[in-house]
Every structure is written in C-alpha cells, then in structure tokens.
C-alpha cells in the first residue's frame, strides 16, 4: 500500500521509497526514510495535500509525492 491510500488517523511504517532522482532525495531530506513511523493527521477536502506527522513534526505532502512512499 502507498501513503496516499492510508486512512486518516492511522500510523504506518515506511517500507520502501520508489521515487527516482530529485523526487526521492527531496522525500528523504524531509525525514521520510525506510523504517520510520508516519501518522496521517488529515487530508484536504479535495484529497490533496495530505498532512502527516513524521519524526515529531508536521509535514504536508502532495498526493503525487505520497504515492512514491510504500507503507505497511
């Protein structure tokens, strides 16, 4: 399952990052790496962006970027 499909209020663990090049590097620079826990705080009314909590801080991701993050 990818992060964009995770339900609101759930905590998931990152298993893999599938992006390439600058996209993957940007996601990793935000602190999203394999094995970290992510809490899905809320989703905007039209579904984009997704607000998450990772490593103790809030972060907002586009749905297209969230689709590169595989979680369990």
C-alpha atoms as a PDB file:
ATOM      1  CA  UNK A   1       0.000   0.000   0.000  1.00  0.00           C
ATOM      2  CA  UNK A   2       1.195   3.541  -0.630  1.00  0.00           C
ATOM      3  CA  UNK A   3       0.929   6.522   1.722  1.00  0.00           C
ATOM      4  CA  UNK A   4      -1.716   8.267  -0.408  1.00  0.00           C
ATOM      5  CA  UNK A   5      -4.087   5.310   0.194  1.00  0.00           C
ATOM      6  CA  UNK A   6      -3.599   5.142   4.005  1.00  0.00           C
ATOM      7  CA  UNK A   7      -6.590   6.092   6.151  1.00  0.00           C
ATOM      8  CA  UNK A   8      -6.811   9.222   8.286  1.00  0.00           C
ATOM      9  CA  UNK A   9      -5.795   8.702  11.915  1.00  0.00           C
ATOM     10  CA  UNK A  10      -3.640   5.652  11.241  1.00  0.00           C
ATOM     11  CA  UNK A  11       0.056   5.189  11.946  1.00  0.00           C
ATOM     12  CA  UNK A  12       2.029   3.413   9.230  1.00  0.00           C
ATOM     13  CA  UNK A  13       5.653   2.322   8.791  1.00  0.00           C
ATOM     14  CA  UNK A  14       7.642   3.138   5.660  1.00  0.00           C
ATOM     15  CA  UNK A  15       8.834   0.019   3.840  1.00  0.00           C
ATOM     16  CA  UNK A  16      10.211   1.464   0.597  1.00  0.00           C
ATOM     17  CA  UNK A  17      10.682   4.693  -1.368  1.00  0.00           C
ATOM     18  CA  UNK A  18      10.002   4.211  -5.069  1.00  0.00           C
ATOM     19  CA  UNK A  19      10.692   7.687  -6.464  1.00  0.00           C
ATOM     20  CA  UNK A  20      13.757   8.464  -8.542  1.00  0.00           C
ATOM     21  CA  UNK A  21      16.351  11.207  -8.614  1.00  0.00           C
ATOM     22  CA  UNK A  22      15.432  14.581  -7.158  1.00  0.00           C
ATOM     23  CA  UNK A  23      11.987  13.434  -6.007  1.00  0.00           C
ATOM     24  CA  UNK A  24      13.380  10.588  -3.904  1.00  0.00           C
ATOM     25  CA  UNK A  25      16.115  12.828  -2.477  1.00  0.00           C
ATOM     26  CA  UNK A  26      13.588  15.524  -1.526  1.00  0.00           C
ATOM     27  CA  UNK A  27      11.390  12.977   0.272  1.00  0.00           C
ATOM     28  CA  UNK A  28      14.408  11.615   2.154  1.00  0.00           C
ATOM     29  CA  UNK A  29      15.550  15.156   3.049  1.00  0.00           C
ATOM     30  CA  UNK A  30      12.154  15.686   4.724  1.00  0.00           C
ATOM     31  CA  UNK A  31      12.993  12.827   7.102  1.00  0.00           C
ATOM     32  CA  UNK A  32      10.911  10.109   5.460  1.00  0.00           C
ATOM     33  CA  UNK A  33      13.175   7.075   5.326  1.00  0.00           C
ATOM     34  CA  UNK A  34      12.720   3.304   5.433  1.00  0.00           C
ATOM     35  CA  UNK A  35      11.524   2.162   8.859  1.00  0.00           C
ATOM     36  CA  UNK A  36      10.180   5.484  10.178  1.00  0.00           C
ATOM     37  CA  UNK A  37       6.614   5.784  11.501  1.00  0.00           C
ATOM     38  CA  UNK A  38       4.159   8.221   9.897  1.00  0.00           C
ATOM     39  CA  UNK A  39       0.857   9.369  11.444  1.00  0.00           C
ATOM     40  CA  UNK A  40      -1.782  10.519   8.922  1.00  0.00           C
ATOM     41  CA  UNK A  41      -3.278  13.654  10.523  1.00  0.00           C
ATOM     42  CA  UNK A  42      -5.726  14.841   7.876  1.00  0.00           C
ATOM     43  CA  UNK A  43      -6.450  15.141   4.179  1.00  0.00           C
ATOM     44  CA  UNK A  44      -7.664  18.276   2.403  1.00  0.00           C
ATOM     45  CA  UNK A  45     -11.330  18.275   1.284  1.00  0.00           C
ATOM     46  CA  UNK A  46     -10.454  17.567  -2.347  1.00  0.00           C
ATOM     47  CA  UNK A  47      -7.905  14.896  -1.366  1.00  0.00           C
ATOM     48  CA  UNK A  48      -4.720  16.870  -1.959  1.00  0.00           C
ATOM     49  CA  UNK A  49      -2.492  17.583   0.051  1.00  0.00           C
ATOM     50  CA  UNK A  50      -2.059  15.077   2.887  1.00  0.00           C
ATOM     51  CA  UNK A  51      -0.917  16.305   6.314  1.00  0.00           C
ATOM     52  CA  UNK A  52       1.291  13.868   8.237  1.00  0.00           C
ATOM     53  CA  UNK A  53       3.390  13.778  11.388  1.00  0.00           C
ATOM     54  CA  UNK A  54       6.855  12.293  10.959  1.00  0.00           C
ATOM     55  CA  UNK A  55       9.742  12.333  13.474  1.00  0.00           C
ATOM     56  CA  UNK A  56       7.840  14.765  15.723  1.00  0.00           C
ATOM     57  CA  UNK A  57       6.938  17.454  13.198  1.00  0.00           C
ATOM     58  CA  UNK A  58       4.041  18.152  10.843  1.00  0.00           C
ATOM     59  CA  UNK A  59       4.567  17.889   7.120  1.00  0.00           C
ATOM     60  CA  UNK A  60       2.289  18.378   4.129  1.00  0.00           C
ATOM     61  CA  UNK A  61       2.799  16.237   1.025  1.00  0.00           C
ATOM     62  CA  UNK A  62       1.221  16.313  -2.390  1.00  0.00           C
ATOM     63  CA  UNK A  63      -0.717  13.163  -3.176  1.00  0.00           C
ATOM     64  CA  UNK A  64       1.574  12.519  -6.150  1.00  0.00           C
ATOM     65  CA  UNK A  65       4.623  12.548  -3.840  1.00  0.00           C
ATOM     66  CA  UNK A  66       2.841  10.386  -1.258  1.00  0.00           C
ATOM     67  CA  UNK A  67       2.291   7.731  -3.935  1.00  0.00           C
ATOM     68  CA  UNK A  68       6.078   7.144  -4.031  1.00  0.00           C
ATOM     69  CA  UNK A  69       6.115   6.045  -0.368  1.00  0.00           C
ATOM     70  CA  UNK A  70       5.223   2.397   0.265  1.00  0.00           C
ATOM     71  CA  UNK A  71       3.936   1.676   3.784  1.00  0.00           C
ATOM     72  CA  UNK A  72       2.558  -1.194   5.837  1.00  0.00           C
END
